[in-house]
């Protein structure tokens, strides 16, 4: 367990350090300058609000499940899965931002706050604002939102057996799976409305965030159509009740 915690601390440290790395300076051609001349406006979902939401919401859901089922092993596995997804997503997102160096839609006014372009096309704005302006691809808000809310959707679907035989035909279960994804989509789309990202940034960021959270979820939990999808692998291996043993052996044989 200590190594698991230290690895997540390492991912958090790498994420913070990458924030201060200068991204690739991509050449902006004159005929594409219009792409980056959108007005500068405040984020509809600020970074502070985003981090609060993507951390608190999954932890609240996991805690509620703990209070309802009283399975501490599941609580630990869920937290490990969620934090691993968030760590992987934040690190990969920042690495791609630095490598690609795509200007944001409002980059022109980050570079030239007064709107006056000099002959050398050298930015006259705040260096920190300019650096952030070169980190459009992929969208961090989108990737982190789908990493967090995507985990909530998968976790609830597993607990409620939304996609297994005994959970079919109950629309409220499907709603609880879709609703978190809609919330993530709303955050992602807002990044095009406040001119902080291009639509490609949002699309790739969203897909990447959901893929990583699915990957991390499946690392700790069975498929969503499994008869034991509500239990983490650790529980199935170490704490199988006698009455579930036969079913579990059948399920495990399908995984191998």
C-alpha atoms as a PDB file:
ATOM      1  CA  UNK A   1       0.000   0.000   0.000  1.00  0.00           C
ATOM      2  CA  UNK A   2       2.854   2.366   0.792  1.00  0.00           C
ATOM      3  CA  UNK A   3       4.227   2.011  -2.734  1.00  0.00           C
ATOM      4  CA  UNK A   4       0.797   2.750  -4.177  1.00  0.00           C
ATOM      5  CA  UNK A   5       0.568   5.967  -2.155  1.00  0.00           C
ATOM      6  CA  UNK A   6       4.129   7.014  -3.020  1.00  0.00           C
ATOM      7  CA  UNK A   7       3.487   6.423  -6.721  1.00  0.00           C
ATOM      8  CA  UNK A   8       0.492   8.752  -6.643  1.00  0.00           C
ATOM      9  CA  UNK A   9       2.502  11.364  -4.761  1.00  0.00           C
ATOM     10  CA  UNK A  10       5.131  11.043  -7.485  1.00  0.00           C
ATOM     11  CA  UNK A  11       2.506  11.617 -10.195  1.00  0.00           C
ATOM     12  CA  UNK A  12       1.264  14.719  -8.351  1.00  0.00           C
ATOM     13  CA  UNK A  13       4.844  16.045  -8.076  1.00  0.00           C
ATOM     14  CA  UNK A  14       5.468  15.486 -11.798  1.00  0.00           C
ATOM     15  CA  UNK A  15       2.200  17.250 -12.647  1.00  0.00           C
ATOM     16  CA  UNK A  16       3.168  20.321 -10.627  1.00  0.00           C
ATOM     17  CA  UNK A  17       6.671  20.458 -12.112  1.00  0.00           C
ATOM     18  CA  UNK A  18       5.344  20.175 -15.671  1.00  0.00           C
ATOM     19  CA  UNK A  19       3.209  23.270 -15.112  1.00  0.00           C
ATOM     20  CA  UNK A  20       6.391  25.401 -15.175  1.00  0.00           C
ATOM     21  CA  UNK A  21       7.969  23.866 -18.267  1.00  0.00           C
ATOM     22  CA  UNK A  22       8.032  26.086 -21.340  1.00  0.00           C
ATOM     23  CA  UNK A  23       5.994  24.546 -24.172  1.00  0.00           C
ATOM     24  CA  UNK A  24       7.121  24.237 -27.768  1.00  0.00           C
ATOM     25  CA  UNK A  25       6.929  27.585 -29.575  1.00  0.00           C
ATOM     26  CA  UNK A  26       4.847  26.806 -32.624  1.00  0.00           C
ATOM     27  CA  UNK A  27       5.138  29.160 -35.585  1.00  0.00           C
ATOM     28  CA  UNK A  28       1.938  31.060 -36.342  1.00  0.00           C
ATOM     29  CA  UNK A  29       1.418  31.779 -40.020  1.00  0.00           C
ATOM     30  CA  UNK A  30      -0.263  34.977 -41.079  1.00  0.00           C
ATOM     31  CA  UNK A  31      -3.132  33.200 -42.830  1.00  0.00           C
ATOM     32  CA  UNK A  32      -4.066  31.315 -39.636  1.00  0.00           C
ATOM     33  CA  UNK A  33      -3.775  34.218 -37.225  1.00  0.00           C
ATOM     34  CA  UNK A  34      -7.565  34.600 -37.207  1.00  0.00           C
ATOM     35  CA  UNK A  35      -7.813  31.310 -35.301  1.00  0.00           C
ATOM     36  CA  UNK A  36      -6.155  32.918 -32.285  1.00  0.00           C
ATOM     37  CA  UNK A  37      -7.800  36.380 -32.254  1.00  0.00           C
ATOM     38  CA  UNK A  38     -10.812  35.523 -30.117  1.00  0.00           C
ATOM     39  CA  UNK A  39     -11.469  37.829 -27.146  1.00  0.00           C
ATOM     40  CA  UNK A  40     -10.069  37.032 -23.705  1.00  0.00           C
ATOM     41  CA  UNK A  41     -12.772  36.194 -21.177  1.00  0.00           C
ATOM     42  CA  UNK A  42     -12.790  34.513 -17.769  1.00  0.00           C
ATOM     43  CA  UNK A  43     -13.200  30.751 -17.606  1.00  0.00           C
ATOM     44  CA  UNK A  44     -16.759  29.584 -17.044  1.00  0.00           C
ATOM     45  CA  UNK A  45     -15.246  26.834 -14.893  1.00  0.00           C
ATOM     46  CA  UNK A  46     -12.088  28.106 -13.194  1.00  0.00           C
ATOM     47  CA  UNK A  47      -9.162  25.812 -12.387  1.00  0.00           C
ATOM     48  CA  UNK A  48      -9.929  26.119  -8.669  1.00  0.00           C
ATOM     49  CA  UNK A  49     -13.547  25.062  -9.139  1.00  0.00           C
ATOM     50  CA  UNK A  50     -12.528  22.267 -11.499  1.00  0.00           C
ATOM     51  CA  UNK A  51     -10.072  20.678  -9.067  1.00  0.00           C
ATOM     52  CA  UNK A  52     -12.521  20.983  -6.205  1.00  0.00           C
ATOM     53  CA  UNK A  53     -15.275  19.283  -8.200  1.00  0.00           C
ATOM     54  CA  UNK A  54     -13.226  16.488  -9.776  1.00  0.00           C
ATOM     55  CA  UNK A  55     -11.733  15.515  -6.406  1.00  0.00           C
ATOM     56  CA  UNK A  56     -14.708  15.991  -4.079  1.00  0.00           C
ATOM     57  CA  UNK A  57     -17.472  14.418  -6.186  1.00  0.00           C
ATOM     58  CA  UNK A  58     -15.843  10.977  -6.636  1.00  0.00           C
ATOM     59  CA  UNK A  59     -14.757  10.891  -2.979  1.00  0.00           C
ATOM     60  CA  UNK A  60     -18.307  11.718  -1.859  1.00  0.00           C
ATOM     61  CA  UNK A  61     -19.738   8.944  -4.056  1.00  0.00           C
ATOM     62  CA  UNK A  62     -17.170   6.421  -2.812  1.00  0.00           C
ATOM     63  CA  UNK A  63     -17.849   7.418   0.809  1.00  0.00           C
ATOM     64  CA  UNK A  64     -21.606   7.089   0.379  1.00  0.00           C
ATOM     65  CA  UNK A  65     -21.147   3.589  -1.014  1.00  0.00           C
ATOM     66  CA  UNK A  66     -18.936   2.795   1.995  1.00  0.00           C
ATOM     67  CA  UNK A  67     -21.628   3.998   4.408  1.00  0.00           C
ATOM     68  CA  UNK A  68     -24.270   1.989   2.571  1.00  0.00           C
ATOM     69  CA  UNK A  69     -22.321  -1.274   2.101  1.00  0.00           C
ATOM     70  CA  UNK A  70     -19.694  -0.998   4.854  1.00  0.00           C
ATOM     71  CA  UNK A  71     -16.957  -2.569   2.720  1.00  0.00           C
ATOM     72  CA  UNK A  72     -13.669  -0.897   3.569  1.00  0.00           C
ATOM     73  CA  UNK A  73     -11.748  -2.996   1.074  1.00  0.00           C
ATOM     74  CA  UNK A  74     -13.884  -1.657  -1.742  1.00  0.00           C
ATOM     75  CA  UNK A  75     -13.379   1.905  -0.468  1.00  0.00           C
ATOM     76  CA  UNK A  76      -9.598   1.486  -0.647  1.00  0.00           C
ATOM     77  CA  UNK A  77      -9.654  -0.055  -4.131  1.00  0.00           C
ATOM     78  CA  UNK A  78     -11.998   2.651  -5.429  1.00  0.00           C
ATOM     79  CA  UNK A  79      -9.771   5.443  -4.103  1.00  0.00           C
ATOM     80  CA  UNK A  80      -6.699   3.770  -5.611  1.00  0.00           C
ATOM     81  CA  UNK A  81      -8.416   3.439  -8.981  1.00  0.00           C
ATOM     82  CA  UNK A  82      -9.707   7.010  -9.001  1.00  0.00           C
ATOM     83  CA  UNK A  83      -6.439   8.633  -7.893  1.00  0.00           C
ATOM     84  CA  UNK A  84      -4.410   6.582 -10.369  1.00  0.00           C
ATOM     85  CA  UNK A  85      -6.663   7.726 -13.196  1.00  0.00           C
ATOM     86  CA  UNK A  86      -6.409  11.356 -12.124  1.00  0.00           C
ATOM     87  CA  UNK A  87      -2.624  11.104 -11.828  1.00  0.00           C
ATOM     88  CA  UNK A  88      -2.117   9.469 -15.209  1.00  0.00           C
ATOM     89  CA  UNK A  89      -4.479  11.916 -16.896  1.00  0.00           C
ATOM     90  CA  UNK A  90      -2.903  15.057 -15.458  1.00  0.00           C
ATOM     91  CA  UNK A  91       0.655  13.945 -16.280  1.00  0.00           C
ATOM     92  CA  UNK A  92      -0.136  12.828 -19.837  1.00  0.00           C
ATOM     93  CA  UNK A  93      -2.178  15.969 -20.505  1.00  0.00           C
ATOM     94  CA  UNK A  94       0.659  18.256 -19.397  1.00  0.00           C
ATOM     95  CA  UNK A  95       3.257  16.321 -21.389  1.00  0.00           C
ATOM     96  CA  UNK A  96       1.201  16.634 -24.568  1.00  0.00           C
ATOM     97  CA  UNK A  97       0.589  20.331 -23.945  1.00  0.00           C
ATOM     98  CA  UNK A  98       4.334  20.936 -23.720  1.00  0.00           C
ATOM     99  CA  UNK A  99       5.205  18.835 -26.776  1.00  0.00           C
ATOM    100  CA  UNK A 100       2.466  20.220 -29.057  1.00  0.00           C
ATOM    101  CA  UNK A 101       2.523  23.874 -27.961  1.00  0.00           C
ATOM    102  CA  UNK A 102      -0.705  24.761 -29.723  1.00  0.00           C
ATOM    103  CA  UNK A 103      -1.840  28.380 -29.134  1.00  0.00           C
ATOM    104  CA  UNK A 104      -5.220  28.927 -27.523  1.00  0.00           C
ATOM    105  CA  UNK A 105      -8.035  30.668 -29.435  1.00  0.00           C
ATOM    106  CA  UNK A 106      -7.354  33.858 -27.435  1.00  0.00           C
ATOM    107  CA  UNK A 107      -3.560  33.711 -27.812  1.00  0.00           C
ATOM    108  CA  UNK A 108      -3.273  36.909 -29.862  1.00  0.00           C
ATOM    109  CA  UNK A 109      -4.498  39.069 -26.993  1.00  0.00           C
ATOM    110  CA  UNK A 110      -2.360  37.148 -24.526  1.00  0.00           C
ATOM    111  CA  UNK A 111       0.630  37.909 -26.722  1.00  0.00           C
ATOM    112  CA  UNK A 112      -0.367  41.500 -27.525  1.00  0.00           C
ATOM    113  CA  UNK A 113      -2.683  42.826 -24.777  1.00  0.00           C
ATOM    114  CA  UNK A 114      -2.997  46.205 -26.500  1.00  0.00           C
ATOM    115  CA  UNK A 115      -3.750  44.612 -29.866  1.00  0.00           C
ATOM    116  CA  UNK A 116      -0.657  46.167 -31.469  1.00  0.00           C
ATOM    117  CA  UNK A 117       1.550  43.740 -33.383  1.00  0.00           C
ATOM    118  CA  UNK A 118       5.253  44.545 -33.732  1.00  0.00           C
ATOM    119  CA  UNK A 119       7.279  43.742 -36.840  1.00  0.00           C
ATOM    120  CA  UNK A 120       9.228  40.922 -35.157  1.00  0.00           C
ATOM    121  CA  UNK A 121       5.991  39.375 -33.801  1.00  0.00           C
ATOM    122  CA  UNK A 122       7.504  39.205 -30.340  1.00  0.00           C
ATOM    123  CA  UNK A 123       4.953  38.986 -27.534  1.00  0.00           C
ATOM    124  CA  UNK A 124       4.709  41.956 -25.177  1.00  0.00           C
ATOM    125  CA  UNK A 125       2.310  40.408 -22.640  1.00  0.00           C
ATOM    126  CA  UNK A 126       2.836  38.675 -19.307  1.00  0.00           C
ATOM    127  CA  UNK A 127       5.278  35.733 -19.844  1.00  0.00           C
ATOM    128  CA  UNK A 128       3.224  33.452 -17.557  1.00  0.00           C
ATOM    129  CA  UNK A 129       0.018  34.237 -19.442  1.00  0.00           C
ATOM    130  CA  UNK A 130       1.810  33.694 -22.746  1.00  0.00           C
ATOM    131  CA  UNK A 131       3.212  30.353 -21.592  1.00  0.00           C
ATOM    132  CA  UNK A 132      -0.246  29.178 -20.609  1.00  0.00           C
ATOM    133  CA  UNK A 133      -1.543  30.463 -23.939  1.00  0.00           C
ATOM    134  CA  UNK A 134       0.637  27.928 -25.743  1.00  0.00           C
ATOM    135  CA  UNK A 135      -0.948  24.979 -23.922  1.00  0.00           C
ATOM    136  CA  UNK A 136      -4.204  24.510 -25.782  1.00  0.00           C
ATOM    137  CA  UNK A 137      -3.864  20.863 -26.866  1.00  0.00           C
ATOM    138  CA  UNK A 138      -5.294  18.793 -25.322  1.00  0.00           C
ATOM    139  CA  UNK A 139      -7.830  20.410 -23.025  1.00  0.00           C
ATOM    140  CA  UNK A 140      -6.934  19.739 -19.397  1.00  0.00           C
ATOM    141  CA  UNK A 141     -10.416  20.641 -18.175  1.00  0.00           C
ATOM    142  CA  UNK A 142     -11.881  18.078 -20.581  1.00  0.00           C
ATOM    143  CA  UNK A 143      -9.453  15.260 -19.799  1.00  0.00           C
ATOM    144  CA  UNK A 144      -9.685  15.732 -16.023  1.00  0.00           C
ATOM    145  CA  UNK A 145     -13.472  16.103 -16.069  1.00  0.00           C
ATOM    146  CA  UNK A 146     -13.925  12.842 -17.978  1.00  0.00           C
ATOM    147  CA  UNK A 147     -11.306  11.140 -15.826  1.00  0.00           C
ATOM    148  CA  UNK A 148     -13.182  12.087 -12.657  1.00  0.00           C
ATOM    149  CA  UNK A 149     -16.832  11.904 -13.714  1.00  0.00           C
ATOM    150  CA  UNK A 150     -16.060   8.966 -15.982  1.00  0.00           C
ATOM    151  CA  UNK A 151     -14.868   7.039 -12.942  1.00  0.00           C
ATOM    152  CA  UNK A 152     -18.066   7.959 -11.077  1.00  0.00           C
ATOM    153  CA  UNK A 153     -20.141   6.649 -13.997  1.00  0.00           C
ATOM    154  CA  UNK A 154     -18.218   3.363 -14.180  1.00  0.00           C
ATOM    155  CA  UNK A 155     -18.174   2.902 -10.401  1.00  0.00           C
ATOM    156  CA  UNK A 156     -21.924   3.414 -10.046  1.00  0.00           C
ATOM    157  CA  UNK A 157     -22.617   1.161 -13.039  1.00  0.00           C
ATOM    158  CA  UNK A 158     -20.592  -1.590 -11.389  1.00  0.00           C
ATOM    159  CA  UNK A 159     -22.278  -1.222  -8.019  1.00  0.00           C
ATOM    160  CA  UNK A 160     -25.765  -1.120  -9.532  1.00  0.00           C
ATOM    161  CA  UNK A 161     -25.132  -3.845 -12.148  1.00  0.00           C
ATOM    162  CA  UNK A 162     -26.343  -1.427 -14.812  1.00  0.00           C
ATOM    163  CA  UNK A 163     -24.956  -3.507 -17.693  1.00  0.00           C
ATOM    164  CA  UNK A 164     -25.254  -7.011 -16.256  1.00  0.00           C
ATOM    165  CA  UNK A 165     -28.294  -9.284 -16.615  1.00  0.00           C
ATOM    166  CA  UNK A 166     -29.849  -8.432 -13.275  1.00  0.00           C
ATOM    167  CA  UNK A 167     -29.610  -4.709 -13.907  1.00  0.00           C
ATOM    168  CA  UNK A 168     -31.187  -4.547 -17.354  1.00  0.00           C
ATOM    169  CA  UNK A 169     -34.493  -2.798 -17.946  1.00  0.00           C
ATOM    170  CA  UNK A 170     -34.110  -0.270 -15.110  1.00  0.00           C
ATOM    171  CA  UNK A 171     -33.851   3.179 -16.636  1.00  0.00           C
ATOM    172  CA  UNK A 172     -32.828   4.963 -13.431  1.00  0.00           C
ATOM    173  CA  UNK A 173     -29.639   2.919 -13.326  1.00  0.00           C
ATOM    174  CA  UNK A 174     -28.790   3.931 -16.875  1.00  0.00           C
ATOM    175  CA  UNK A 175     -29.519   7.556 -15.953  1.00  0.00           C
ATOM    176  CA  UNK A 176     -27.041   7.406 -13.072  1.00  0.00           C
ATOM    177  CA  UNK A 177     -24.416   6.171 -15.522  1.00  0.00           C
ATOM    178  CA  UNK A 178     -25.094   8.846 -18.144  1.00  0.00           C
ATOM    179  CA  UNK A 179     -25.549  11.833 -15.805  1.00  0.00           C
ATOM    180  CA  UNK A 180     -21.890  12.100 -14.655  1.00  0.00           C
ATOM    181  CA  UNK A 181     -20.772  11.909 -18.287  1.00  0.00           C
ATOM    182  CA  UNK A 182     -23.134  14.741 -19.178  1.00  0.00           C
ATOM    183  CA  UNK A 183     -21.604  16.842 -16.385  1.00  0.00           C
ATOM    184  CA  UNK A 184     -18.134  16.141 -17.781  1.00  0.00           C
ATOM    185  CA  UNK A 185     -19.318  17.030 -21.269  1.00  0.00           C
ATOM    186  CA  UNK A 186     -20.729  20.339 -20.026  1.00  0.00           C
ATOM    187  CA  UNK A 187     -17.366  21.268 -18.492  1.00  0.00           C
ATOM    188  CA  UNK A 188     -15.553  20.230 -21.657  1.00  0.00           C
ATOM    189  CA  UNK A 189     -17.806  22.177 -24.024  1.00  0.00           C
ATOM    190  CA  UNK A 190     -17.564  25.287 -21.838  1.00  0.00           C
ATOM    191  CA  UNK A 191     -13.900  25.513 -22.836  1.00  0.00           C
ATOM    192  CA  UNK A 192     -14.887  26.376 -26.394  1.00  0.00           C
ATOM    193  CA  UNK A 193     -17.450  28.930 -25.192  1.00  0.00           C
ATOM    194  CA  UNK A 194     -14.896  30.915 -23.188  1.00  0.00           C
ATOM    195  CA  UNK A 195     -12.373  30.697 -26.055  1.00  0.00           C
ATOM    196  CA  UNK A 196      -9.783  28.768 -24.055  1.00  0.00           C
ATOM    197  CA  UNK A 197      -9.682  25.738 -26.367  1.00  0.00           C
ATOM    198  CA  UNK A 198     -10.332  24.667 -29.926  1.00  0.00           C
ATOM    199  CA  UNK A 199     -12.897  21.930 -30.513  1.00  0.00           C
ATOM    200  CA  UNK A 200     -10.152  19.425 -31.364  1.00  0.00           C
ATOM    201  CA  UNK A 201      -8.525  20.044 -27.976  1.00  0.00           C
ATOM    202  CA  UNK A 202     -11.783  19.295 -26.210  1.00  0.00           C
ATOM    203  CA  UNK A 203     -12.570  16.187 -28.243  1.00  0.00           C
ATOM    204  CA  UNK A 204      -9.145  14.576 -27.783  1.00  0.00           C
ATOM    205  CA  UNK A 205      -8.922  15.604 -24.131  1.00  0.00           C
ATOM    206  CA  UNK A 206     -12.317  14.104 -23.368  1.00  0.00           C
ATOM    207  CA  UNK A 207     -11.543  10.826 -25.143  1.00  0.00           C
ATOM    208  CA  UNK A 208      -8.164  10.568 -23.452  1.00  0.00           C
ATOM    209  CA  UNK A 209      -9.594  11.216 -19.981  1.00  0.00           C
ATOM    210  CA  UNK A 210     -12.336   8.615 -20.340  1.00  0.00           C
ATOM    211  CA  UNK A 211      -9.967   6.029 -21.825  1.00  0.00           C
ATOM    212  CA  UNK A 212      -7.506   6.392 -18.944  1.00  0.00           C
ATOM    213  CA  UNK A 213     -10.205   6.224 -16.279  1.00  0.00           C
ATOM    214  CA  UNK A 214     -11.672   3.117 -17.950  1.00  0.00           C
ATOM    215  CA  UNK A 215      -8.205   1.562 -18.045  1.00  0.00           C
ATOM    216  CA  UNK A 216      -7.600   2.292 -14.357  1.00  0.00           C
ATOM    217  CA  UNK A 217     -11.079   1.174 -13.343  1.00  0.00           C
ATOM    218  CA  UNK A 218     -10.660  -2.178 -15.096  1.00  0.00           C
ATOM    219  CA  UNK A 219      -7.297  -2.595 -13.384  1.00  0.00           C
ATOM    220  CA  UNK A 220      -9.168  -2.853 -10.066  1.00  0.00           C
ATOM    221  CA  UNK A 221     -12.670  -4.012 -11.025  1.00  0.00           C
ATOM    222  CA  UNK A 222     -14.225  -6.713 -13.271  1.00  0.00           C
ATOM    223  CA  UNK A 223     -16.099  -5.926 -16.526  1.00  0.00           C
ATOM    224  CA  UNK A 224     -19.418  -4.128 -16.110  1.00  0.00           C
ATOM    225  CA  UNK A 225     -21.364  -7.073 -17.537  1.00  0.00           C
ATOM    226  CA  UNK A 226     -19.878  -9.473 -14.972  1.00  0.00           C
ATOM    227  CA  UNK A 227     -22.041 -11.055 -12.284  1.00  0.00           C
ATOM    228  CA  UNK A 228     -19.518  -9.831  -9.699  1.00  0.00           C
ATOM    229  CA  UNK A 229     -18.869  -6.381 -11.201  1.00  0.00           C
ATOM    230  CA  UNK A 230     -19.742  -4.786  -7.861  1.00  0.00           C
ATOM    231  CA  UNK A 231     -16.663  -6.275  -6.184  1.00  0.00           C
ATOM    232  CA  UNK A 232     -13.008  -5.291  -6.704  1.00  0.00           C
ATOM    233  CA  UNK A 233     -10.530  -7.963  -7.786  1.00  0.00           C
ATOM    234  CA  UNK A 234      -8.813  -7.789  -4.390  1.00  0.00           C
ATOM    235  CA  UNK A 235     -12.064  -8.765  -2.688  1.00  0.00           C
ATOM    236  CA  UNK A 236     -12.715 -11.632  -5.104  1.00  0.00           C
ATOM    237  CA  UNK A 237      -9.255 -13.078  -4.633  1.00  0.00           C
ATOM    238  CA  UNK A 238      -8.859 -12.694  -0.878  1.00  0.00           C
ATOM    239  CA  UNK A 239     -12.314 -12.492   0.670  1.00  0.00           C
ATOM    240  CA  UNK A 240     -14.716 -14.700  -1.299  1.00  0.00           C
ATOM    241  CA  UNK A 241     -17.730 -15.906   0.680  1.00  0.00           C
ATOM    242  CA  UNK A 242     -18.566 -19.635   0.342  1.00  0.00           C
ATOM    243  CA  UNK A 243     -21.943 -19.043  -1.317  1.00  0.00           C
ATOM    244  CA  UNK A 244     -20.272 -16.898  -4.003  1.00  0.00           C
ATOM    245  CA  UNK A 245     -17.349 -19.240  -4.611  1.00  0.00           C
ATOM    246  CA  UNK A 246     -18.880 -21.184  -7.504  1.00  0.00           C
ATOM    247  CA  UNK A 247     -20.078 -18.062  -9.331  1.00  0.00           C
ATOM    248  CA  UNK A 248     -16.748 -16.372  -8.821  1.00  0.00           C
ATOM    249  CA  UNK A 249     -14.815 -19.341 -10.211  1.00  0.00           C
ATOM    250  CA  UNK A 250     -16.977 -19.267 -13.326  1.00  0.00           C
ATOM    251  CA  UNK A 251     -16.376 -15.543 -13.727  1.00  0.00           C
ATOM    252  CA  UNK A 252     -12.640 -15.831 -13.099  1.00  0.00           C
ATOM    253  CA  UNK A 253     -12.406 -18.562 -15.750  1.00  0.00           C
ATOM    254  CA  UNK A 254     -13.843 -16.101 -18.274  1.00  0.00           C
ATOM    255  CA  UNK A 255     -11.164 -13.526 -17.475  1.00  0.00           C
ATOM    256  CA  UNK A 256      -8.264 -15.936 -17.959  1.00  0.00           C
END
